[in-house]
């Protein structure tokens, strides 16, 4: 069964940091490009960052450039989030397109609040 699992979310104060992780079962994550998305209450899901499988090239939404860093090893894709702001509060999802189609995890909640 193809499955993505996110972890690492939580409650953090403004200016704090979190590291999210995305792992996979049923396929080898290292072979696929992976994206991080987020959805805040009442808003559409938006792309945050992505990383290729071939050369590790990365892209970021303007709203997170300079604060978030995406990286990967053979089994996990990470999203290091620094200098967090209240507007970063959302459910964060990882996504990849595999042989079985478009795959989403269940999401992990990130709340930035004092």
PDB file of N, CA and C in Angstrom:
ATOM      1  N   UNK A   1       0.848  -1.196   0.000  1.00  0.00           N
ATOM      2  CA  UNK A   1       0.000   0.000   0.000  1.00  0.00           C
ATOM      3  C   UNK A   1       0.881   1.242   0.000  1.00  0.00           C
ATOM      4  N   UNK A   2       0.625   2.136  -0.938  1.00  0.00           N
ATOM      5  CA  UNK A   2       1.389   3.369  -1.040  1.00  0.00           C
ATOM      6  C   UNK A   2       0.864   4.371  -0.021  1.00  0.00           C
ATOM      7  N   UNK A   3       1.762   4.893   0.796  1.00  0.00           N
ATOM      8  CA  UNK A   3       1.344   5.798   1.860  1.00  0.00           C
ATOM      9  C   UNK A   3       2.450   6.786   2.176  1.00  0.00           C
ATOM     10  N   UNK A   4       2.063   8.033   2.442  1.00  0.00           N
ATOM     11  CA  UNK A   4       2.964   9.056   2.937  1.00  0.00           C
ATOM     12  C   UNK A   4       2.558   9.417   4.359  1.00  0.00           C
ATOM     13  N   UNK A   5       3.542   9.673   5.206  1.00  0.00           N
ATOM     14  CA  UNK A   5       3.264  10.031   6.588  1.00  0.00           C
ATOM     15  C   UNK A   5       4.092  11.245   6.965  1.00  0.00           C
ATOM     16  N   UNK A   6       3.405  12.297   7.424  1.00  0.00           N
ATOM     17  CA  UNK A   6       4.085  13.487   7.914  1.00  0.00           C
ATOM     18  C   UNK A   6       4.171  13.445   9.444  1.00  0.00           C
ATOM     19  N   UNK A   7       5.209  14.068   9.958  1.00  0.00           N
ATOM     20  CA  UNK A   7       5.367  14.185  11.405  1.00  0.00           C
ATOM     21  C   UNK A   7       6.174  15.433  11.716  1.00  0.00           C
ATOM     22  N   UNK A   8       6.164  15.829  12.978  1.00  0.00           N
ATOM     23  CA  UNK A   8       6.996  16.930  13.419  1.00  0.00           C
ATOM     24  C   UNK A   8       6.268  18.224  13.692  1.00  0.00           C
ATOM     25  N   UNK A   9       4.978  18.259  13.440  1.00  0.00           N
ATOM     26  CA  UNK A   9       4.221  19.472  13.711  1.00  0.00           C
ATOM     27  C   UNK A   9       4.054  19.713  15.204  1.00  0.00           C
ATOM     28  N   UNK A  10       3.504  20.864  15.535  1.00  0.00           N
ATOM     29  CA  UNK A  10       3.269  21.184  16.938  1.00  0.00           C
ATOM     30  C   UNK A  10       2.978  22.649  17.133  1.00  0.00           C
ATOM     31  N   UNK A  11       3.000  23.052  18.385  1.00  0.00           N
ATOM     32  CA  UNK A  11       2.769  24.438  18.770  1.00  0.00           C
ATOM     33  C   UNK A  11       4.116  25.100  19.050  1.00  0.00           C
ATOM     34  N   UNK A  12       4.340  26.239  18.439  1.00  0.00           N
ATOM     35  CA  UNK A  12       5.609  26.940  18.619  1.00  0.00           C
ATOM     36  C   UNK A  12       5.333  28.440  18.686  1.00  0.00           C
ATOM     37  N   UNK A  13       6.166  29.156  19.406  1.00  0.00           N
ATOM     38  CA  UNK A  13       6.015  30.607  19.508  1.00  0.00           C
ATOM     39  C   UNK A  13       6.548  31.288  18.258  1.00  0.00           C
ATOM     40  N   UNK A  14       6.061  32.468  17.957  1.00  0.00           N
ATOM     41  CA  UNK A  14       6.618  33.223  16.829  1.00  0.00           C
ATOM     42  C   UNK A  14       8.124  33.356  16.959  1.00  0.00           C
ATOM     43  N   UNK A  15       8.809  33.158  15.848  1.00  0.00           N
ATOM     44  CA  UNK A  15      10.263  33.186  15.847  1.00  0.00           C
ATOM     45  C   UNK A  15      10.899  31.836  16.091  1.00  0.00           C
ATOM     46  N   UNK A  16      10.104  30.866  16.457  1.00  0.00           N
ATOM     47  CA  UNK A  16      10.618  29.535  16.742  1.00  0.00           C
ATOM     48  C   UNK A  16      10.829  28.698  15.496  1.00  0.00           C
ATOM     49  N   UNK A  17      11.212  27.440  15.720  1.00  0.00           N
ATOM     50  CA  UNK A  17      11.537  26.528  14.623  1.00  0.00           C
ATOM     51  C   UNK A  17      10.861  25.176  14.826  1.00  0.00           C
ATOM     52  N   UNK A  18      10.606  24.532  13.715  1.00  0.00           N
ATOM     53  CA  UNK A  18      10.128  23.147  13.698  1.00  0.00           C
ATOM     54  C   UNK A  18      10.751  22.456  12.500  1.00  0.00           C
ATOM     55  N   UNK A  19      10.887  21.147  12.589  1.00  0.00           N
ATOM     56  CA  UNK A  19      11.311  20.360  11.439  1.00  0.00           C
ATOM     57  C   UNK A  19      10.267  19.292  11.164  1.00  0.00           C
ATOM     58  N   UNK A  20       9.701  19.355   9.981  1.00  0.00           N
ATOM     59  CA  UNK A  20       8.735  18.356   9.554  1.00  0.00           C
ATOM     60  C   UNK A  20       9.443  17.250   8.784  1.00  0.00           C
ATOM     61  N   UNK A  21       8.894  16.049   8.885  1.00  0.00           N
ATOM     62  CA  UNK A  21       9.427  14.903   8.162  1.00  0.00           C
ATOM     63  C   UNK A  21       8.318  14.242   7.354  1.00  0.00           C
ATOM     64  N   UNK A  22       8.700  13.725   6.216  1.00  0.00           N
ATOM     65  CA  UNK A  22       7.773  12.986   5.349  1.00  0.00           C
ATOM     66  C   UNK A  22       8.429  11.662   4.995  1.00  0.00           C
ATOM     67  N   UNK A  23       7.784  10.577   5.381  1.00  0.00           N
ATOM     68  CA  UNK A  23       8.291   9.254   5.056  1.00  0.00           C
ATOM     69  C   UNK A  23       7.247   8.498   4.236  1.00  0.00           C
ATOM     70  N   UNK A  24       7.690   7.412   3.630  1.00  0.00           N
ATOM     71  CA  UNK A  24       6.822   6.684   2.721  1.00  0.00           C
ATOM     72  C   UNK A  24       6.841   5.193   3.012  1.00  0.00           C
ATOM     73  N   UNK A  25       5.746   4.548   2.686  1.00  0.00           N
ATOM     74  CA  UNK A  25       5.691   3.095   2.693  1.00  0.00           C
ATOM     75  C   UNK A  25       5.051   2.639   1.385  1.00  0.00           C
ATOM     76  N   UNK A  26       5.490   1.481   0.922  1.00  0.00           N
ATOM     77  CA  UNK A  26       4.958   0.948  -0.321  1.00  0.00           C
ATOM     78  C   UNK A  26       5.712   1.372  -1.562  1.00  0.00           C
ATOM     79  N   UNK A  27       6.658   2.278  -1.401  1.00  0.00           N
ATOM     80  CA  UNK A  27       7.499   2.687  -2.519  1.00  0.00           C
ATOM     81  C   UNK A  27       8.749   3.376  -1.963  1.00  0.00           C
ATOM     82  N   UNK A  28       9.721   3.591  -2.825  1.00  0.00           N
ATOM     83  CA  UNK A  28      10.989   4.206  -2.413  1.00  0.00           C
ATOM     84  C   UNK A  28      10.926   5.698  -2.679  1.00  0.00           C
ATOM     85  N   UNK A  29      10.831   6.466  -1.603  1.00  0.00           N
ATOM     86  CA  UNK A  29      10.657   7.908  -1.720  1.00  0.00           C
ATOM     87  C   UNK A  29      11.793   8.577  -2.480  1.00  0.00           C
ATOM     88  N   UNK A  30      12.981   8.006  -2.371  1.00  0.00           N
ATOM     89  CA  UNK A  30      14.164   8.613  -2.986  1.00  0.00           C
ATOM     90  C   UNK A  30      14.026   8.740  -4.505  1.00  0.00           C
ATOM     91  N   UNK A  31      13.158   7.980  -5.115  1.00  0.00           N
ATOM     92  CA  UNK A  31      13.034   7.974  -6.579  1.00  0.00           C
ATOM     93  C   UNK A  31      12.128   9.083  -7.111  1.00  0.00           C
ATOM     94  N   UNK A  32      11.476   9.835  -6.225  1.00  0.00           N
ATOM     95  CA  UNK A  32      10.434  10.749  -6.660  1.00  0.00           C
ATOM     96  C   UNK A  32      10.653  12.160  -6.129  1.00  0.00           C
ATOM     97  N   UNK A  33      10.229  13.140  -6.929  1.00  0.00           N
ATOM     98  CA  UNK A  33      10.166  14.504  -6.430  1.00  0.00           C
ATOM     99  C   UNK A  33       9.071  14.590  -5.371  1.00  0.00           C
ATOM    100  N   UNK A  34       9.285  15.445  -4.396  1.00  0.00           N
ATOM    101  CA  UNK A  34       8.343  15.585  -3.285  1.00  0.00           C
ATOM    102  C   UNK A  34       8.061  17.056  -3.043  1.00  0.00           C
ATOM    103  N   UNK A  35       6.810  17.357  -2.782  1.00  0.00           N
ATOM    104  CA  UNK A  35       6.426  18.718  -2.449  1.00  0.00           C
ATOM    105  C   UNK A  35       5.797  18.794  -1.068  1.00  0.00           C
ATOM    106  N   UNK A  36       6.008  19.943  -0.436  1.00  0.00           N
ATOM    107  CA  UNK A  36       5.300  20.271   0.805  1.00  0.00           C
ATOM    108  C   UNK A  36       4.239  21.318   0.476  1.00  0.00           C
ATOM    109  N   UNK A  37       3.050  21.105   1.008  1.00  0.00           N
ATOM    110  CA  UNK A  37       1.933  22.021   0.838  1.00  0.00           C
ATOM    111  C   UNK A  37       1.375  22.347   2.215  1.00  0.00           C
ATOM    112  N   UNK A  38       0.572  23.394   2.286  1.00  0.00           N
ATOM    113  CA  UNK A  38      -0.086  23.704   3.550  1.00  0.00           C
ATOM    114  C   UNK A  38      -1.470  24.264   3.284  1.00  0.00           C
ATOM    115  N   UNK A  39      -2.335  24.087   4.262  1.00  0.00           N
ATOM    116  CA  UNK A  39      -3.689  24.610   4.161  1.00  0.00           C
ATOM    117  C   UNK A  39      -4.100  25.200   5.499  1.00  0.00           C
ATOM    118  N   UNK A  40      -4.338  26.494   5.483  1.00  0.00           N
ATOM    119  CA  UNK A  40      -4.810  27.190   6.676  1.00  0.00           C
ATOM    120  C   UNK A  40      -6.331  27.179   6.682  1.00  0.00           C
ATOM    121  N   UNK A  41      -6.947  27.331   7.861  1.00  0.00           N
ATOM    122  CA  UNK A  41      -8.414  27.322   7.944  1.00  0.00           C
ATOM    123  C   UNK A  41      -9.029  28.369   7.018  1.00  0.00           C
ATOM    124  N   UNK A  42      -9.984  27.929   6.224  1.00  0.00           N
ATOM    125  CA  UNK A  42     -10.684  28.843   5.340  1.00  0.00           C
ATOM    126  C   UNK A  42      -9.929  29.239   4.093  1.00  0.00           C
ATOM    127  N   UNK A  43      -8.761  28.644   3.895  1.00  0.00           N
ATOM    128  CA  UNK A  43      -7.943  28.990   2.726  1.00  0.00           C
ATOM    129  C   UNK A  43      -7.686  27.760   1.873  1.00  0.00           C
ATOM    130  N   UNK A  44      -7.302  28.020   0.632  1.00  0.00           N
ATOM    131  CA  UNK A  44      -6.965  26.921  -0.267  1.00  0.00           C
ATOM    132  C   UNK A  44      -5.584  26.354   0.079  1.00  0.00           C
ATOM    133  N   UNK A  45      -5.390  25.108  -0.291  1.00  0.00           N
ATOM    134  CA  UNK A  45      -4.078  24.495  -0.113  1.00  0.00           C
ATOM    135  C   UNK A  45      -3.081  25.176  -1.043  1.00  0.00           C
ATOM    136  N   UNK A  46      -1.899  25.469  -0.526  1.00  0.00           N
ATOM    137  CA  UNK A  46      -0.883  26.156  -1.319  1.00  0.00           C
ATOM    138  C   UNK A  46       0.445  25.422  -1.245  1.00  0.00           C
ATOM    139  N   UNK A  47       1.204  25.542  -2.325  1.00  0.00           N
ATOM    140  CA  UNK A  47       2.524  24.947  -2.356  1.00  0.00           C
ATOM    141  C   UNK A  47       3.511  25.736  -1.521  1.00  0.00           C
ATOM    142  N   UNK A  48       4.350  25.032  -0.790  1.00  0.00           N
ATOM    143  CA  UNK A  48       5.351  25.660   0.071  1.00  0.00           C
ATOM    144  C   UNK A  48       6.754  25.467  -0.497  1.00  0.00           C
ATOM    145  N   UNK A  49       7.078  24.230  -0.844  1.00  0.00           N
ATOM    146  CA  UNK A  49       8.417  23.933  -1.316  1.00  0.00           C
ATOM    147  C   UNK A  49       8.403  22.578  -2.003  1.00  0.00           C
ATOM    148  N   UNK A  50       9.401  22.354  -2.853  1.00  0.00           N
ATOM    149  CA  UNK A  50       9.526  21.048  -3.487  1.00  0.00           C
ATOM    150  C   UNK A  50      10.989  20.746  -3.746  1.00  0.00           C
ATOM    151  N   UNK A  51      11.264  19.460  -3.914  1.00  0.00           N
ATOM    152  CA  UNK A  51      12.637  19.004  -4.151  1.00  0.00           C
ATOM    153  C   UNK A  51      12.606  17.866  -5.149  1.00  0.00           C
ATOM    154  N   UNK A  52      13.552  17.903  -6.086  1.00  0.00           N
ATOM    155  CA  UNK A  52      13.600  16.861  -7.098  1.00  0.00           C
ATOM    156  C   UNK A  52      14.278  15.613  -6.552  1.00  0.00           C
ATOM    157  N   UNK A  53      14.135  14.539  -7.307  1.00  0.00           N
ATOM    158  CA  UNK A  53      14.802  13.300  -6.928  1.00  0.00           C
ATOM    159  C   UNK A  53      16.172  13.193  -7.589  1.00  0.00           C
ATOM    160  N   UNK A  54      16.315  13.831  -8.747  1.00  0.00           N
ATOM    161  CA  UNK A  54      17.516  13.627  -9.546  1.00  0.00           C
ATOM    162  C   UNK A  54      18.725  14.354  -8.978  1.00  0.00           C
ATOM    163  N   UNK A  55      18.590  15.683  -8.824  1.00  0.00           N
ATOM    164  CA  UNK A  55      19.743  16.458  -8.377  1.00  0.00           C
ATOM    165  C   UNK A  55      19.478  17.256  -7.111  1.00  0.00           C
ATOM    166  N   UNK A  56      18.298  17.046  -6.502  1.00  0.00           N
ATOM    167  CA  UNK A  56      18.003  17.744  -5.261  1.00  0.00           C
ATOM    168  C   UNK A  56      17.704  19.218  -5.436  1.00  0.00           C
ATOM    169  N   UNK A  57      17.361  19.631  -6.659  1.00  0.00           N
ATOM    170  CA  UNK A  57      16.987  21.031  -6.871  1.00  0.00           C
ATOM    171  C   UNK A  57      15.744  21.363  -6.054  1.00  0.00           C
ATOM    172  N   UNK A  58      15.689  22.598  -5.584  1.00  0.00           N
ATOM    173  CA  UNK A  58      14.608  23.008  -4.702  1.00  0.00           C
ATOM    174  C   UNK A  58      13.913  24.269  -5.197  1.00  0.00           C
ATOM    175  N   UNK A  59      12.682  24.445  -4.762  1.00  0.00           N
ATOM    176  CA  UNK A  59      11.917  25.657  -5.019  1.00  0.00           C
ATOM    177  C   UNK A  59      11.115  26.003  -3.770  1.00  0.00           C
ATOM    178  N   UNK A  60      10.872  27.304  -3.613  1.00  0.00           N
ATOM    179  CA  UNK A  60      10.151  27.774  -2.434  1.00  0.00           C
ATOM    180  C   UNK A  60       9.121  28.828  -2.823  1.00  0.00           C
ATOM    181  N   UNK A  61       8.028  28.837  -2.090  1.00  0.00           N
ATOM    182  CA  UNK A  61       7.086  29.939  -2.218  1.00  0.00           C
ATOM    183  C   UNK A  61       7.742  31.213  -1.693  1.00  0.00           C
ATOM    184  N   UNK A  62       7.384  32.339  -2.269  1.00  0.00           N
ATOM    185  CA  UNK A  62       7.985  33.602  -1.842  1.00  0.00           C
ATOM    186  C   UNK A  62       7.784  33.839  -0.343  1.00  0.00           C
ATOM    187  N   UNK A  63       6.668  33.393   0.175  1.00  0.00           N
ATOM    188  CA  UNK A  63       6.339  33.664   1.573  1.00  0.00           C
ATOM    189  C   UNK A  63       7.246  32.944   2.563  1.00  0.00           C
ATOM    190  N   UNK A  64       7.986  31.927   2.102  1.00  0.00           N
ATOM    191  CA  UNK A  64       8.831  31.154   3.022  1.00  0.00           C
ATOM    192  C   UNK A  64      10.309  31.209   2.646  1.00  0.00           C
ATOM    193  N   UNK A  65      10.645  31.858   1.539  1.00  0.00           N
ATOM    194  CA  UNK A  65      12.048  31.936   1.119  1.00  0.00           C
ATOM    195  C   UNK A  65      12.890  32.566   2.205  1.00  0.00           C
ATOM    196  N   UNK A  66      14.037  31.946   2.459  1.00  0.00           N
ATOM    197  CA  UNK A  66      14.951  32.458   3.471  1.00  0.00           C
ATOM    198  C   UNK A  66      14.634  31.978   4.878  1.00  0.00           C
ATOM    199  N   UNK A  67      13.467  31.359   5.040  1.00  0.00           N
ATOM    200  CA  UNK A  67      13.082  30.866   6.384  1.00  0.00           C
ATOM    201  C   UNK A  67      12.947  29.341   6.414  1.00  0.00           C
ATOM    202  N   UNK A  68      12.483  28.756   5.325  1.00  0.00           N
ATOM    203  CA  UNK A  68      12.268  27.309   5.251  1.00  0.00           C
ATOM    204  C   UNK A  68      13.338  26.684   4.366  1.00  0.00           C
ATOM    205  N   UNK A  69      13.724  25.451   4.710  1.00  0.00           N
ATOM    206  CA  UNK A  69      14.681  24.699   3.910  1.00  0.00           C
ATOM    207  C   UNK A  69      14.178  23.272   3.735  1.00  0.00           C
ATOM    208  N   UNK A  70      14.086  22.854   2.490  1.00  0.00           N
ATOM    209  CA  UNK A  70      13.698  21.473   2.196  1.00  0.00           C
ATOM    210  C   UNK A  70      14.960  20.668   1.903  1.00  0.00           C
ATOM    211  N   UNK A  71      14.967  19.430   2.370  1.00  0.00           N
ATOM    212  CA  UNK A  71      16.110  18.550   2.135  1.00  0.00           C
ATOM    213  C   UNK A  71      15.606  17.116   2.154  1.00  0.00           C
ATOM    214  N   UNK A  72      16.511  16.207   1.797  1.00  0.00           N
ATOM    215  CA  UNK A  72      16.089  14.807   1.763  1.00  0.00           C
ATOM    216  C   UNK A  72      17.274  13.887   1.964  1.00  0.00           C
ATOM    217  N   UNK A  73      16.993  12.716   2.471  1.00  0.00           N
ATOM    218  CA  UNK A  73      17.941  11.615   2.434  1.00  0.00           C
ATOM    219  C   UNK A  73      17.244  10.458   1.719  1.00  0.00           C
ATOM    220  N   UNK A  74      17.737   9.283   1.821  1.00  0.00           N
ATOM    221  CA  UNK A  74      17.179   8.182   1.039  1.00  0.00           C
ATOM    222  C   UNK A  74      15.751   7.837   1.425  1.00  0.00           C
ATOM    223  N   UNK A  75      15.371   8.120   2.655  1.00  0.00           N
ATOM    224  CA  UNK A  75      14.075   7.645   3.127  1.00  0.00           C
ATOM    225  C   UNK A  75      13.119   8.744   3.562  1.00  0.00           C
ATOM    226  N   UNK A  76      13.615   9.959   3.696  1.00  0.00           N
ATOM    227  CA  UNK A  76      12.803  11.010   4.314  1.00  0.00           C
ATOM    228  C   UNK A  76      13.023  12.341   3.596  1.00  0.00           C
ATOM    229  N   UNK A  77      11.944  13.115   3.502  1.00  0.00           N
ATOM    230  CA  UNK A  77      12.061  14.495   3.048  1.00  0.00           C
ATOM    231  C   UNK A  77      11.719  15.388   4.240  1.00  0.00           C
ATOM    232  N   UNK A  78      12.569  16.376   4.460  1.00  0.00           N
ATOM    233  CA  UNK A  78      12.433  17.244   5.618  1.00  0.00           C
ATOM    234  C   UNK A  78      12.037  18.659   5.181  1.00  0.00           C
ATOM    235  N   UNK A  79      11.354  19.342   6.081  1.00  0.00           N
ATOM    236  CA  UNK A  79      11.108  20.771   5.904  1.00  0.00           C
ATOM    237  C   UNK A  79      11.506  21.457   7.204  1.00  0.00           C
ATOM    238  N   UNK A  80      12.657  22.101   7.176  1.00  0.00           N
ATOM    239  CA  UNK A  80      13.130  22.868   8.325  1.00  0.00           C
ATOM    240  C   UNK A  80      12.508  24.250   8.258  1.00  0.00           C
ATOM    241  N   UNK A  81      11.781  24.599   9.283  1.00  0.00           N
ATOM    242  CA  UNK A  81      11.058  25.867   9.306  1.00  0.00           C
ATOM    243  C   UNK A  81      11.606  26.730  10.440  1.00  0.00           C
ATOM    244  N   UNK A  82      12.216  27.835  10.087  1.00  0.00           N
ATOM    245  CA  UNK A  82      12.775  28.768  11.059  1.00  0.00           C
ATOM    246  C   UNK A  82      12.024  30.099  11.001  1.00  0.00           C
ATOM    247  N   UNK A  83      12.220  30.903  12.017  1.00  0.00           N
ATOM    248  CA  UNK A  83      11.599  32.235  12.086  1.00  0.00           C
ATOM    249  C   UNK A  83      10.104  32.153  11.780  1.00  0.00           C
ATOM    250  N   UNK A  84       9.453  31.228  12.427  1.00  0.00           N
ATOM    251  CA  UNK A  84       8.037  30.989  12.147  1.00  0.00           C
ATOM    252  C   UNK A  84       7.180  32.184  12.539  1.00  0.00           C
ATOM    253  N   UNK A  85       6.145  32.397  11.738  1.00  0.00           N
ATOM    254  CA  UNK A  85       5.212  33.499  11.941  1.00  0.00           C
ATOM    255  C   UNK A  85       3.805  32.947  12.158  1.00  0.00           C
ATOM    256  N   UNK A  86       2.954  33.714  12.783  1.00  0.00           N
ATOM    257  CA  UNK A  86       1.566  33.234  12.971  1.00  0.00           C
ATOM    258  C   UNK A  86       0.895  32.851  11.652  1.00  0.00           C
ATOM    259  N   UNK A  87       1.240  33.523  10.582  1.00  0.00           N
ATOM    260  CA  UNK A  87       0.636  33.208   9.290  1.00  0.00           C
ATOM    261  C   UNK A  87       1.135  31.899   8.693  1.00  0.00           C
ATOM    262  N   UNK A  88       2.112  31.264   9.326  1.00  0.00           N
ATOM    263  CA  UNK A  88       2.548  29.932   8.900  1.00  0.00           C
ATOM    264  C   UNK A  88       1.664  28.835   9.495  1.00  0.00           C
ATOM    265  N   UNK A  89       0.749  29.206  10.368  1.00  0.00           N
ATOM    266  CA  UNK A  89      -0.152  28.237  10.974  1.00  0.00           C
ATOM    267  C   UNK A  89      -1.003  27.562   9.909  1.00  0.00           C
ATOM    268  N   UNK A  90      -0.963  26.247   9.868  1.00  0.00           N
ATOM    269  CA  UNK A  90      -1.673  25.481   8.849  1.00  0.00           C
ATOM    270  C   UNK A  90      -1.452  23.999   9.099  1.00  0.00           C
ATOM    271  N   UNK A  91      -2.199  23.183   8.367  1.00  0.00           N
ATOM    272  CA  UNK A  91      -1.877  21.766   8.276  1.00  0.00           C
ATOM    273  C   UNK A  91      -0.926  21.601   7.095  1.00  0.00           C
ATOM    274  N   UNK A  92       0.177  20.940   7.351  1.00  0.00           N
ATOM    275  CA  UNK A  92       1.209  20.756   6.335  1.00  0.00           C
ATOM    276  C   UNK A  92       1.147  19.319   5.796  1.00  0.00           C
ATOM    277  N   UNK A  93       1.181  19.220   4.474  1.00  0.00           N
ATOM    278  CA  UNK A  93       1.079  17.934   3.789  1.00  0.00           C
ATOM    279  C   UNK A  93       2.287  17.742   2.885  1.00  0.00           C
ATOM    280  N   UNK A  94       2.728  16.493   2.762  1.00  0.00           N
ATOM    281  CA  UNK A  94       3.676  16.188   1.705  1.00  0.00           C
ATOM    282  C   UNK A  94       2.951  15.443   0.587  1.00  0.00           C
ATOM    283  N   UNK A  95       3.524  15.545  -0.590  1.00  0.00           N
ATOM    284  CA  UNK A  95       2.877  15.021  -1.784  1.00  0.00           C
ATOM    285  C   UNK A  95       3.913  14.499  -2.754  1.00  0.00           C
ATOM    286  N   UNK A  96       3.580  13.430  -3.427  1.00  0.00           N
ATOM    287  CA  UNK A  96       4.410  12.950  -4.514  1.00  0.00           C
ATOM    288  C   UNK A  96       3.543  12.201  -5.506  1.00  0.00           C
ATOM    289  N   UNK A  97       3.981  12.201  -6.740  1.00  0.00           N
ATOM    290  CA  UNK A  97       3.283  11.469  -7.796  1.00  0.00           C
ATOM    291  C   UNK A  97       4.098  10.230  -8.110  1.00  0.00           C
ATOM    292  N   UNK A  98       3.471   9.054  -7.930  1.00  0.00           N
ATOM    293  CA  UNK A  98       4.153   7.794  -8.158  1.00  0.00           C
ATOM    294  C   UNK A  98       3.403   6.982  -9.210  1.00  0.00           C
ATOM    295  N   UNK A  99       3.826   5.752  -9.358  1.00  0.00           N
ATOM    296  CA  UNK A  99       3.183   4.825 -10.283  1.00  0.00           C
ATOM    297  C   UNK A  99       1.718   4.619  -9.940  1.00  0.00           C
ATOM    298  N   UNK A 100       1.356   4.852  -8.675  1.00  0.00           N
ATOM    299  CA  UNK A 100      -0.031   4.621  -8.245  1.00  0.00           C
ATOM    300  C   UNK A 100      -0.877   5.880  -8.319  1.00  0.00           C
ATOM    301  N   UNK A 101      -0.251   6.993  -8.701  1.00  0.00           N
ATOM    302  CA  UNK A 101      -1.010   8.228  -8.817  1.00  0.00           C
ATOM    303  C   UNK A 101      -0.506   9.300  -7.899  1.00  0.00           C
ATOM    304  N   UNK A 102      -1.393  10.250  -7.604  1.00  0.00           N
ATOM    305  CA  UNK A 102      -1.062  11.388  -6.771  1.00  0.00           C
ATOM    306  C   UNK A 102      -1.258  11.003  -5.302  1.00  0.00           C
ATOM    307  N   UNK A 103      -0.218  11.143  -4.502  1.00  0.00           N
ATOM    308  CA  UNK A 103      -0.259  10.673  -3.130  1.00  0.00           C
ATOM    309  C   UNK A 103      -0.106  11.810  -2.131  1.00  0.00           C
ATOM    310  N   UNK A 104      -0.993  11.833  -1.137  1.00  0.00           N
ATOM    311  CA  UNK A 104      -0.954  12.812  -0.060  1.00  0.00           C
ATOM    312  C   UNK A 104      -0.857  12.097   1.274  1.00  0.00           C
ATOM    313  N   UNK A 105      -0.156  12.723   2.207  1.00  0.00           N
ATOM    314  CA  UNK A 105      -0.183  12.239   3.573  1.00  0.00           C
ATOM    315  C   UNK A 105      -1.411  12.763   4.293  1.00  0.00           C
ATOM    316  N   UNK A 106      -1.512  12.429   5.570  1.00  0.00           N
ATOM    317  CA  UNK A 106      -2.672  12.839   6.369  1.00  0.00           C
ATOM    318  C   UNK A 106      -2.515  14.257   6.918  1.00  0.00           C
ATOM    319  N   UNK A 107      -1.303  14.779   6.850  1.00  0.00           N
ATOM    320  CA  UNK A 107      -1.042  16.127   7.314  1.00  0.00           C
ATOM    321  C   UNK A 107      -0.575  16.182   8.758  1.00  0.00           C
ATOM    322  N   UNK A 108       0.151  17.249   9.068  1.00  0.00           N
ATOM    323  CA  UNK A 108       0.586  17.503  10.436  1.00  0.00           C
ATOM    324  C   UNK A 108       0.323  18.976  10.751  1.00  0.00           C
ATOM    325  N   UNK A 109      -0.253  19.224  11.903  1.00  0.00           N
ATOM    326  CA  UNK A 109      -0.663  20.575  12.274  1.00  0.00           C
ATOM    327  C   UNK A 109       0.519  21.379  12.797  1.00  0.00           C
ATOM    328  N   UNK A 110       0.699  22.562  12.257  1.00  0.00           N
ATOM    329  CA  UNK A 110       1.675  23.523  12.755  1.00  0.00           C
ATOM    330  C   UNK A 110       0.911  24.749  13.237  1.00  0.00           C
ATOM    331  N   UNK A 111       1.107  25.095  14.491  1.00  0.00           N
ATOM    332  CA  UNK A 111       0.455  26.260  15.069  1.00  0.00           C
ATOM    333  C   UNK A 111       1.513  27.198  15.629  1.00  0.00           C
ATOM    334  N   UNK A 112       1.521  28.424  15.140  1.00  0.00           N
ATOM    335  CA  UNK A 112       2.479  29.427  15.601  1.00  0.00           C
ATOM    336  C   UNK A 112       1.703  30.482  16.375  1.00  0.00           C
ATOM    337  N   UNK A 113       1.922  30.497  17.675  1.00  0.00           N
ATOM    338  CA  UNK A 113       1.152  31.387  18.530  1.00  0.00           C
ATOM    339  C   UNK A 113       1.891  31.633  19.833  1.00  0.00           C
ATOM    340  N   UNK A 114       1.714  32.825  20.374  1.00  0.00           N
ATOM    341  CA  UNK A 114       2.300  33.121  21.674  1.00  0.00           C
ATOM    342  C   UNK A 114       1.297  32.852  22.789  1.00  0.00           C
TER     343      UNK A 114
END
